[in-house]
N, C-alpha and C. Protein backbone atom coordinates (compact mmCIF):
# COMPACT_ATOMS: atom_id res chain seq x y z
N MET A 1 1.15 -1.34 -0.26
CA MET A 1 -0.16 0.19 -0.11
C MET A 1 1.16 1.20 -0.02
N SER A 2 0.33 2.32 -1.06
CA SER A 2 1.52 3.03 -0.81
C SER A 2 0.95 4.07 0.33
N ARG A 3 2.30 5.17 0.86
CA ARG A 3 1.98 6.24 1.69
C ARG A 3 1.42 7.05 1.34
N HIS A 4 1.00 6.96 0.45
CA HIS A 4 -0.01 9.01 0.40
C HIS A 4 -1.56 8.08 -0.63
N ALA A 5 -2.18 6.51 -0.33
CA ALA A 5 -2.93 6.21 -0.98
C ALA A 5 -4.47 7.31 -0.62
N ALA A 6 -3.71 7.55 0.86
CA ALA A 6 -5.46 8.35 1.39
C ALA A 6 -5.60 9.86 0.30
N PHE A 7 -4.21 10.16 -0.28
CA PHE A 7 -4.66 11.36 -0.64
C PHE A 7 -5.06 11.39 -2.02
N PHE A 8 -5.31 10.07 -3.05
CA PHE A 8 -5.72 9.50 -3.94
C PHE A 8 -7.14 9.80 -3.64
N VAL A 9 -7.92 9.84 -2.96
CA VAL A 9 -8.97 9.27 -2.29
C VAL A 9 -9.87 10.80 -2.27
N VAL A 10 -8.68 11.29 -1.35
CA VAL A 10 -9.04 13.28 -1.32
C VAL A 10 -9.20 13.83 -2.59
N PHE A 11 -8.16 13.15 -3.08
CA PHE A 11 -8.47 13.84 -4.74
C PHE A 11 -9.14 13.74 -5.39
N GLY A 12 -9.67 12.57 -5.04
CA GLY A 12 -11.19 12.08 -5.85
C GLY A 12 -12.58 12.64 -5.13
N GLY A 13 -12.06 12.83 -4.27
CA GLY A 13 -13.49 13.63 -3.26
C GLY A 13 -13.32 15.17 -4.42
N VAL A 14 -12.54 15.86 -4.39
CA VAL A 14 -12.22 16.93 -4.73
C VAL A 14 -13.21 16.89 -5.98
N SER A 15 -12.46 16.20 -6.57
CA SER A 15 -12.44 16.24 -8.02
C SER A 15 -14.36 16.12 -8.26
N ALA A 16 -14.85 15.28 -7.42
CA ALA A 16 -16.29 15.17 -7.88
C ALA A 16 -16.68 16.14 -7.05
N ALA A 17 -15.93 17.02 -5.83
CA ALA A 17 -16.91 18.23 -5.57
C ALA A 17 -16.89 19.77 -6.65
N ILE A 18 -15.96 19.32 -7.07
CA ILE A 18 -15.65 20.49 -8.62
C ILE A 18 -17.05 20.34 -9.55
N HIS A 19 -17.40 19.22 -9.51
CA HIS A 19 -18.55 18.88 -10.72
C HIS A 19 -19.40 19.79 -10.72
N LEU A 20 -19.60 19.76 -8.63
CA LEU A 20 -20.54 20.25 -8.17
C LEU A 20 -20.59 21.74 -7.96
N GLY A 21 -19.56 22.29 -8.30
CA GLY A 21 -19.18 23.75 -7.83
C GLY A 21 -18.67 24.20 -9.64
N LYS A 22 -18.82 23.59 -10.29
CA LYS A 22 -18.75 23.98 -11.91
C LYS A 22 -19.87 24.91 -12.34
N LEU A 23 -20.98 24.78 -12.16
CA LEU A 23 -21.98 24.75 -13.02
C LEU A 23 -22.43 26.64 -12.94
N PRO A 24 -22.38 27.04 -11.72
CA PRO A 24 -22.68 28.70 -10.99
C PRO A 24 -21.76 29.93 -11.71
N PRO A 25 -20.37 29.59 -12.57
CA PRO A 25 -20.08 30.54 -12.68
C PRO A 25 -20.38 30.30 -14.18
N ALA A 26 -20.66 29.10 -14.89
CA ALA A 26 -20.94 28.71 -16.26
C ALA A 26 -22.52 28.86 -16.71
N LEU A 27 -23.27 29.30 -15.34
CA LEU A 27 -24.87 29.93 -15.52
C LEU A 27 -25.08 31.06 -16.94
N PRO A 28 -23.75 32.40 -16.92
CA PRO A 28 -24.34 33.61 -17.67
C PRO A 28 -24.11 33.05 -19.40
N ALA A 29 -22.66 31.98 -19.32
CA ALA A 29 -23.00 31.07 -20.82
C ALA A 29 -24.02 30.78 -21.47
N LEU A 30 -24.59 29.91 -19.97
CA LEU A 30 -25.34 28.57 -20.51
C LEU A 30 -26.67 29.41 -20.80
N HIS A 31 -26.88 30.61 -20.51
CA HIS A 31 -28.26 31.58 -20.65
C HIS A 31 -27.99 32.18 -21.82
N ASP A 32 -26.49 32.67 -22.23
CA ASP A 32 -26.57 33.23 -23.74
C ASP A 32 -26.36 31.98 -24.83
N GLU A 33 -26.00 30.82 -24.44
CA GLU A 33 -25.75 30.25 -25.77
C GLU A 33 -27.02 29.35 -25.73
N LEU A 34 -27.83 28.90 -24.32
CA LEU A 34 -28.68 27.97 -24.50
C LEU A 34 -30.07 28.90 -24.25
N GLY A 35 -29.98 30.50 -23.93
CA GLY A 35 -31.66 30.88 -23.52
C GLY A 35 -31.75 30.38 -22.43
N LEU A 36 -31.17 29.44 -21.13
CA LEU A 36 -31.65 29.22 -20.24
C LEU A 36 -32.65 30.17 -19.41
N SER A 37 -33.61 29.70 -18.75
CA SER A 37 -34.11 30.79 -17.66
C SER A 37 -33.66 30.76 -16.93
N LEU A 38 -34.19 30.96 -15.51
CA LEU A 38 -33.71 31.20 -14.05
C LEU A 38 -34.41 29.93 -13.66
N VAL A 39 -35.57 29.94 -13.41
CA VAL A 39 -36.04 29.03 -13.42
C VAL A 39 -35.03 27.12 -13.69
N GLN A 40 -35.21 27.00 -15.17
CA GLN A 40 -34.28 25.86 -15.65
C GLN A 40 -32.64 26.31 -15.18
N ALA A 41 -31.91 27.23 -15.17
CA ALA A 41 -31.11 27.06 -14.31
C ALA A 41 -30.85 26.59 -12.82
N GLY A 42 -31.97 27.33 -11.53
CA GLY A 42 -32.31 26.48 -10.76
C GLY A 42 -32.61 25.30 -10.70
N PHE A 43 -33.54 24.54 -11.66
CA PHE A 43 -33.01 22.96 -11.50
C PHE A 43 -31.64 22.43 -11.97
N LEU A 44 -31.15 22.97 -12.92
CA LEU A 44 -29.59 22.16 -13.17
C LEU A 44 -28.87 22.39 -11.68
N LEU A 45 -29.38 23.65 -11.25
CA LEU A 45 -28.11 24.03 -9.53
C LEU A 45 -28.49 22.66 -8.67
N SER A 46 -29.84 22.56 -8.54
CA SER A 46 -30.77 21.72 -7.49
C SER A 46 -31.17 20.47 -7.76
N VAL A 47 -30.35 19.96 -8.94
CA VAL A 47 -30.37 18.49 -9.21
C VAL A 47 -29.79 17.61 -8.28
N LEU A 48 -28.53 17.92 -8.06
CA LEU A 48 -27.98 17.05 -7.64
C LEU A 48 -28.20 16.76 -6.16
N GLN A 49 -28.93 18.46 -4.96
CA GLN A 49 -29.17 17.54 -3.95
C GLN A 49 -30.32 17.19 -3.96
N PHE A 50 -31.00 17.15 -5.15
CA PHE A 50 -32.25 16.20 -5.03
C PHE A 50 -31.92 14.68 -4.98
N ALA A 51 -30.87 14.51 -5.76
CA ALA A 51 -30.16 13.22 -5.85
C ALA A 51 -29.58 12.73 -4.78
N GLY A 52 -29.08 13.75 -3.71
CA GLY A 52 -28.29 12.94 -2.63
C GLY A 52 -29.99 12.77 -1.88
N MET A 53 -30.81 13.74 -2.08
CA MET A 53 -31.89 13.53 -0.97
C MET A 53 -32.50 12.25 -1.24
N GLY A 54 -32.22 11.58 -2.74
CA GLY A 54 -33.67 10.94 -3.36
C GLY A 54 -32.82 9.48 -3.31
N PHE A 55 -31.93 9.47 -3.32
CA PHE A 55 -30.91 8.13 -3.40
C PHE A 55 -29.84 8.05 -3.03
N GLY A 56 -29.32 8.60 -1.71
CA GLY A 56 -28.30 8.55 -1.12
C GLY A 56 -28.28 7.27 -0.32
N LEU A 57 -29.55 6.59 0.17
CA LEU A 57 -29.29 5.49 1.09
C LEU A 57 -28.97 4.51 -0.14
N LEU A 58 -29.70 4.50 -1.58
CA LEU A 58 -29.39 3.75 -2.95
C LEU A 58 -27.70 3.32 -2.48
N ALA A 59 -27.32 4.94 -2.59
CA ALA A 59 -25.66 4.88 -3.21
C ALA A 59 -24.99 4.32 -2.25
N GLY A 60 -25.71 4.76 -1.01
CA GLY A 60 -24.84 3.88 0.54
C GLY A 60 -24.82 1.95 -0.02
N VAL A 61 -25.98 1.67 -0.34
CA VAL A 61 -26.09 0.01 -0.54
C VAL A 61 -25.23 -0.25 -1.71
N LEU A 62 -25.46 0.80 -2.99
CA LEU A 62 -24.46 0.22 -4.01
C LEU A 62 -23.08 0.21 -3.39
N ALA A 63 -22.50 1.32 -2.48
CA ALA A 63 -21.23 1.29 -2.17
C ALA A 63 -20.77 0.20 -1.18
N ASP A 64 -21.69 -0.46 -0.63
CA ASP A 64 -21.25 -1.85 -0.14
C ASP A 64 -21.04 -2.91 -0.13
N GLY A 65 -22.55 -3.02 -1.46
CA GLY A 65 -22.56 -4.04 -2.16
C GLY A 65 -21.13 -4.32 -3.43
N LEU A 66 -20.52 -3.23 -4.12
CA LEU A 66 -19.58 -3.38 -5.05
C LEU A 66 -18.31 -3.24 -4.21
N GLY A 67 -17.84 -2.77 -3.02
CA GLY A 67 -16.80 -2.49 -3.03
C GLY A 67 -16.37 -0.87 -3.14
N ALA A 68 -15.89 -0.48 -1.74
CA ALA A 68 -15.80 1.12 -1.81
C ALA A 68 -15.17 1.45 -2.88
N ARG A 69 -13.84 1.05 -3.14
CA ARG A 69 -13.30 1.00 -4.29
C ARG A 69 -13.68 1.51 -5.64
N ARG A 70 -14.28 0.38 -6.19
CA ARG A 70 -15.13 0.52 -7.39
C ARG A 70 -15.99 1.17 -7.32
N CYS A 71 -16.71 1.26 -6.14
CA CYS A 71 -17.59 2.42 -6.42
C CYS A 71 -17.02 3.53 -6.56
N MET A 72 -16.11 4.44 -5.99
CA MET A 72 -15.56 5.71 -6.20
C MET A 72 -15.08 6.06 -7.92
N LEU A 73 -14.73 4.62 -8.23
CA LEU A 73 -14.42 4.68 -9.68
C LEU A 73 -15.68 4.85 -10.26
N ILE A 74 -16.05 3.86 -10.26
CA ILE A 74 -17.14 3.92 -10.88
C ILE A 74 -18.35 5.25 -11.24
N GLY A 75 -17.82 5.92 -9.93
CA GLY A 75 -18.57 7.37 -9.84
C GLY A 75 -18.22 8.02 -10.28
N LEU A 76 -16.74 7.97 -10.31
CA LEU A 76 -15.44 9.40 -10.92
C LEU A 76 -15.75 8.78 -12.32
N GLY A 77 -15.70 7.97 -12.93
CA GLY A 77 -16.46 7.22 -14.19
C GLY A 77 -17.64 7.95 -14.41
N LEU A 78 -18.84 7.98 -13.61
CA LEU A 78 -19.90 8.83 -14.37
C LEU A 78 -20.04 9.91 -14.68
N LEU A 79 -18.98 10.75 -13.54
CA LEU A 79 -18.90 12.22 -13.31
C LEU A 79 -18.18 12.63 -15.05
N THR A 80 -17.18 12.19 -14.93
CA THR A 80 -16.62 12.09 -16.23
C THR A 80 -17.22 12.29 -17.57
N GLY A 81 -17.79 11.16 -17.34
CA GLY A 81 -18.77 10.52 -18.66
C GLY A 81 -19.80 11.52 -19.17
N ALA A 82 -20.51 12.00 -18.08
CA ALA A 82 -21.53 12.64 -18.22
C ALA A 82 -21.55 14.17 -18.53
N SER A 83 -20.09 14.83 -17.70
CA SER A 83 -19.29 16.08 -18.58
C SER A 83 -19.12 16.56 -19.31
N ALA A 84 -18.12 15.12 -19.59
CA ALA A 84 -17.46 15.46 -21.16
C ALA A 84 -18.80 15.16 -22.21
N ALA A 85 -19.87 14.27 -21.88
CA ALA A 85 -21.35 14.23 -23.03
C ALA A 85 -21.94 15.90 -23.26
N ALA A 86 -21.81 16.70 -22.38
CA ALA A 86 -22.71 17.81 -21.66
C ALA A 86 -22.09 18.56 -22.46
N GLY A 87 -20.46 18.47 -22.37
CA GLY A 87 -19.50 19.79 -23.34
C GLY A 87 -19.71 19.31 -24.63
N ALA A 88 -19.82 17.76 -24.95
CA ALA A 88 -19.45 17.78 -26.21
C ALA A 88 -20.95 18.18 -27.34
N TRP A 89 -21.65 17.71 -26.77
CA TRP A 89 -23.09 17.50 -27.19
C TRP A 89 -23.94 19.75 -27.48
N GLY A 90 -22.93 19.79 -26.32
CA GLY A 90 -23.11 21.37 -25.91
C GLY A 90 -22.84 22.20 -27.10
N GLN A 91 -21.53 21.89 -27.64
CA GLN A 91 -21.48 22.15 -28.88
C GLN A 91 -22.14 22.24 -30.34
N MET A 92 -23.15 21.33 -29.80
CA MET A 92 -23.88 20.88 -31.00
C MET A 92 -25.52 21.31 -30.89
N GLY A 93 -25.64 22.00 -29.27
CA GLY A 93 -27.00 22.71 -29.19
C GLY A 93 -27.96 21.57 -28.60
N ILE A 94 -27.22 21.30 -27.64
CA ILE A 94 -28.01 19.94 -26.51
C ILE A 94 -29.01 21.26 -25.87
N GLY A 95 -30.35 20.30 -25.80
CA GLY A 95 -31.82 21.27 -24.89
C GLY A 95 -31.07 21.16 -23.36
N PHE A 96 -32.02 21.97 -23.13
CA PHE A 96 -32.58 21.42 -21.55
C PHE A 96 -32.63 20.52 -21.40
N GLY A 97 -33.29 19.41 -21.58
CA GLY A 97 -33.90 18.58 -21.33
C GLY A 97 -32.63 17.21 -20.75
N ALA A 98 -31.71 17.17 -22.09
CA ALA A 98 -30.54 16.45 -21.90
C ALA A 98 -29.54 16.76 -21.66
N MET A 99 -29.35 18.20 -21.22
CA MET A 99 -28.75 18.57 -19.93
C MET A 99 -29.15 18.11 -18.70
N LEU A 100 -30.32 18.13 -18.61
CA LEU A 100 -30.73 18.24 -17.25
C LEU A 100 -30.44 16.32 -16.99
N ALA A 101 -30.62 15.76 -17.84
CA ALA A 101 -30.52 14.46 -17.48
C ALA A 101 -29.18 14.01 -17.23
N LEU A 102 -28.23 14.71 -18.57
CA LEU A 102 -27.13 14.17 -17.93
C LEU A 102 -26.64 14.94 -16.17
N ARG A 103 -26.65 15.86 -16.32
CA ARG A 103 -26.74 16.75 -14.45
C ARG A 103 -27.15 15.44 -13.54
N VAL A 104 -28.75 14.61 -14.04
CA VAL A 104 -28.81 13.37 -13.27
C VAL A 104 -27.58 12.31 -12.72
N VAL A 105 -26.87 12.18 -14.62
CA VAL A 105 -26.27 11.19 -14.25
C VAL A 105 -24.73 11.50 -13.57
N GLU A 106 -24.80 12.88 -13.51
CA GLU A 106 -23.76 13.34 -12.74
C GLU A 106 -23.73 13.13 -10.60
N GLY A 107 -24.92 14.00 -10.28
CA GLY A 107 -25.61 13.80 -9.30
C GLY A 107 -25.38 12.04 -8.53
N ALA A 108 -25.79 11.06 -9.70
CA ALA A 108 -25.66 9.66 -9.60
C ALA A 108 -23.97 9.53 -9.27
N GLY A 109 -23.26 10.19 -10.15
CA GLY A 109 -22.02 9.72 -10.39
C GLY A 109 -21.17 9.94 -8.73
N PHE A 110 -21.72 11.25 -8.36
CA PHE A 110 -21.00 12.16 -7.05
C PHE A 110 -21.30 11.70 -6.31
N LEU A 111 -22.54 10.56 -5.82
CA LEU A 111 -23.01 9.94 -4.74
C LEU A 111 -21.97 8.76 -4.71
N LEU A 112 -21.73 8.73 -5.78
CA LEU A 112 -21.07 6.91 -5.59
C LEU A 112 -19.81 6.91 -5.27
N ALA A 113 -19.06 8.43 -5.86
CA ALA A 113 -17.47 8.60 -5.71
C ALA A 113 -17.63 9.09 -4.55
N VAL A 114 -18.30 9.72 -3.65
CA VAL A 114 -17.89 10.27 -2.01
C VAL A 114 -18.57 9.27 -1.15
N MET A 115 -19.49 9.01 -1.43
CA MET A 115 -20.28 8.08 -0.30
C MET A 115 -19.40 6.70 0.15
N PRO A 116 -18.48 6.12 -0.27
CA PRO A 116 -16.82 5.34 0.30
C PRO A 116 -16.11 6.12 0.56
N GLY A 117 -16.16 7.17 0.23
CA GLY A 117 -15.08 8.45 0.78
C GLY A 117 -14.35 8.10 1.93
N PRO A 118 -14.59 7.96 3.10
CA PRO A 118 -14.30 7.75 4.58
C PRO A 118 -13.88 6.75 4.47
N ALA A 119 -14.68 5.33 4.09
CA ALA A 119 -14.19 4.44 4.69
C ALA A 119 -12.65 3.96 3.93
N LEU A 120 -13.06 4.30 2.55
CA LEU A 120 -11.38 4.31 2.46
C LEU A 120 -10.35 4.93 2.73
N VAL A 121 -10.46 5.96 3.13
CA VAL A 121 -9.24 7.13 3.43
C VAL A 121 -8.68 6.34 4.79
N ARG A 122 -10.08 5.72 5.69
CA ARG A 122 -9.47 5.35 6.78
C ARG A 122 -8.43 4.27 6.82
N ARG A 123 -8.87 3.52 5.37
CA ARG A 123 -8.44 1.66 5.66
C ARG A 123 -7.46 1.83 4.78
N LEU A 124 -7.08 3.45 3.65
CA LEU A 124 -5.33 3.35 3.55
C LEU A 124 -4.68 4.32 4.17
N ALA A 125 -5.51 5.12 5.09
CA ALA A 125 -3.77 5.71 5.84
C ALA A 125 -3.05 5.13 6.90
N VAL A 126 -1.71 5.36 6.64
CA VAL A 126 -0.66 5.44 7.16
C VAL A 126 -1.16 5.26 8.64
N PRO A 127 -1.11 3.32 9.38
CA PRO A 127 -1.12 4.03 11.06
C PRO A 127 -1.27 4.86 12.00
N GLY A 128 -1.81 5.56 12.49
CA GLY A 128 -1.21 6.83 12.97
C GLY A 128 -2.06 8.04 12.51
N THR A 129 -2.28 8.26 11.21
CA THR A 129 -2.57 9.35 10.67
C THR A 129 -3.96 8.79 9.91
N GLU A 130 -4.97 8.35 10.72
CA GLU A 130 -6.37 7.95 10.17
C GLU A 130 -6.75 9.22 10.52
N LYS A 131 -6.72 9.99 11.29
CA LYS A 131 -7.55 11.74 11.99
C LYS A 131 -7.34 12.26 11.10
N ALA A 132 -6.00 13.00 10.69
CA ALA A 132 -5.79 13.96 10.07
C ALA A 132 -5.99 13.49 8.73
N ALA A 133 -5.74 12.13 8.22
CA ALA A 133 -6.82 11.81 6.57
C ALA A 133 -8.23 12.23 6.50
N LEU A 134 -9.05 11.86 7.83
CA LEU A 134 -10.41 12.02 7.75
C LEU A 134 -10.56 13.34 7.68
N GLY A 135 -9.41 14.16 8.28
CA GLY A 135 -9.71 15.59 8.54
C GLY A 135 -9.45 16.11 6.62
N TRP A 136 -8.68 15.55 6.37
CA TRP A 136 -8.42 16.06 5.04
C TRP A 136 -9.64 15.84 4.13
N TRP A 137 -9.95 14.89 4.16
CA TRP A 137 -11.60 14.28 3.42
C TRP A 137 -12.82 14.96 3.92
N GLY A 138 -12.65 15.68 5.37
CA GLY A 138 -13.83 16.58 5.45
C GLY A 138 -13.80 18.09 4.65
N ALA A 139 -12.46 18.50 4.38
CA ALA A 139 -12.45 19.72 3.51
C ALA A 139 -12.71 18.91 2.02
N TYR A 140 -12.88 17.92 2.04
CA TYR A 140 -12.85 17.84 -0.36
C TYR A 140 -13.88 18.60 -0.43
N MET A 141 -15.24 18.80 0.13
CA MET A 141 -16.41 19.39 -0.50
C MET A 141 -16.21 20.76 -0.32
N PRO A 142 -15.66 22.14 0.37
CA PRO A 142 -15.35 23.32 0.24
C PRO A 142 -14.27 23.89 -0.98
N LEU A 143 -12.94 22.39 -0.26
CA LEU A 143 -11.79 22.85 -1.51
C LEU A 143 -12.36 22.82 -2.99
N GLY A 144 -13.36 21.66 -3.36
CA GLY A 144 -13.42 21.05 -4.55
C GLY A 144 -14.37 22.30 -5.15
N VAL A 145 -15.69 22.70 -4.33
CA VAL A 145 -16.54 24.06 -4.76
C VAL A 145 -15.56 25.34 -5.16
N SER A 146 -14.34 25.61 -4.22
CA SER A 146 -13.64 26.42 -3.83
C SER A 146 -13.02 26.65 -5.22
N LEU A 147 -12.46 25.44 -5.79
CA LEU A 147 -12.14 25.64 -7.05
C LEU A 147 -12.46 25.85 -8.03
N ALA A 148 -13.91 25.06 -8.33
CA ALA A 148 -14.52 25.37 -9.18
C ALA A 148 -15.01 27.14 -9.67
N LEU A 149 -15.10 27.85 -7.93
CA LEU A 149 -15.67 28.80 -8.30
C LEU A 149 -14.50 29.68 -8.96
N LEU A 150 -13.92 29.48 -8.67
CA LEU A 150 -12.52 30.32 -8.83
C LEU A 150 -11.75 30.54 -10.27
N ALA A 151 -11.76 28.86 -10.96
CA ALA A 151 -11.25 28.51 -12.10
C ALA A 151 -12.62 29.22 -12.87
N GLY A 152 -13.72 28.99 -12.76
CA GLY A 152 -14.57 28.83 -13.12
C GLY A 152 -15.34 30.03 -14.29
N PRO A 153 -14.44 31.19 -13.96
CA PRO A 153 -14.68 32.23 -14.84
C PRO A 153 -13.88 32.20 -16.28
N VAL A 154 -11.94 32.11 -15.66
CA VAL A 154 -11.64 31.62 -16.21
C VAL A 154 -11.61 31.08 -17.65
């Protein structure tokens, strides 16, 4: 086991959180390009919270059944695939319905990616550093969203 294995799990959580925070800075461009209304933008922003509310328990059961590592990798893959598809289809004039569906897939990917995070960090941390590693895990969300909000306008 690598000495820094828990760091890569935290990095995966930060990467997932970036997907959560990437949308607010992009809303003006989406409004200009796709003509999204404020209500549609609100739906795009809130669909991840709805996924957490509605499918959190299911994601936990899947994480337990699939195994923590596999679940996180599947979640990161879903996040990456849905984001890449939205970017590619955005160039071709994707509609609001398709964008909302891809955001739902991102929500599922986010849950699958972060649900097993604490267990993985605890398992992979070097003995004696578990508390510090879990402290870093606790910062994955503010760190990822902050990075997205800072880098988004650029």
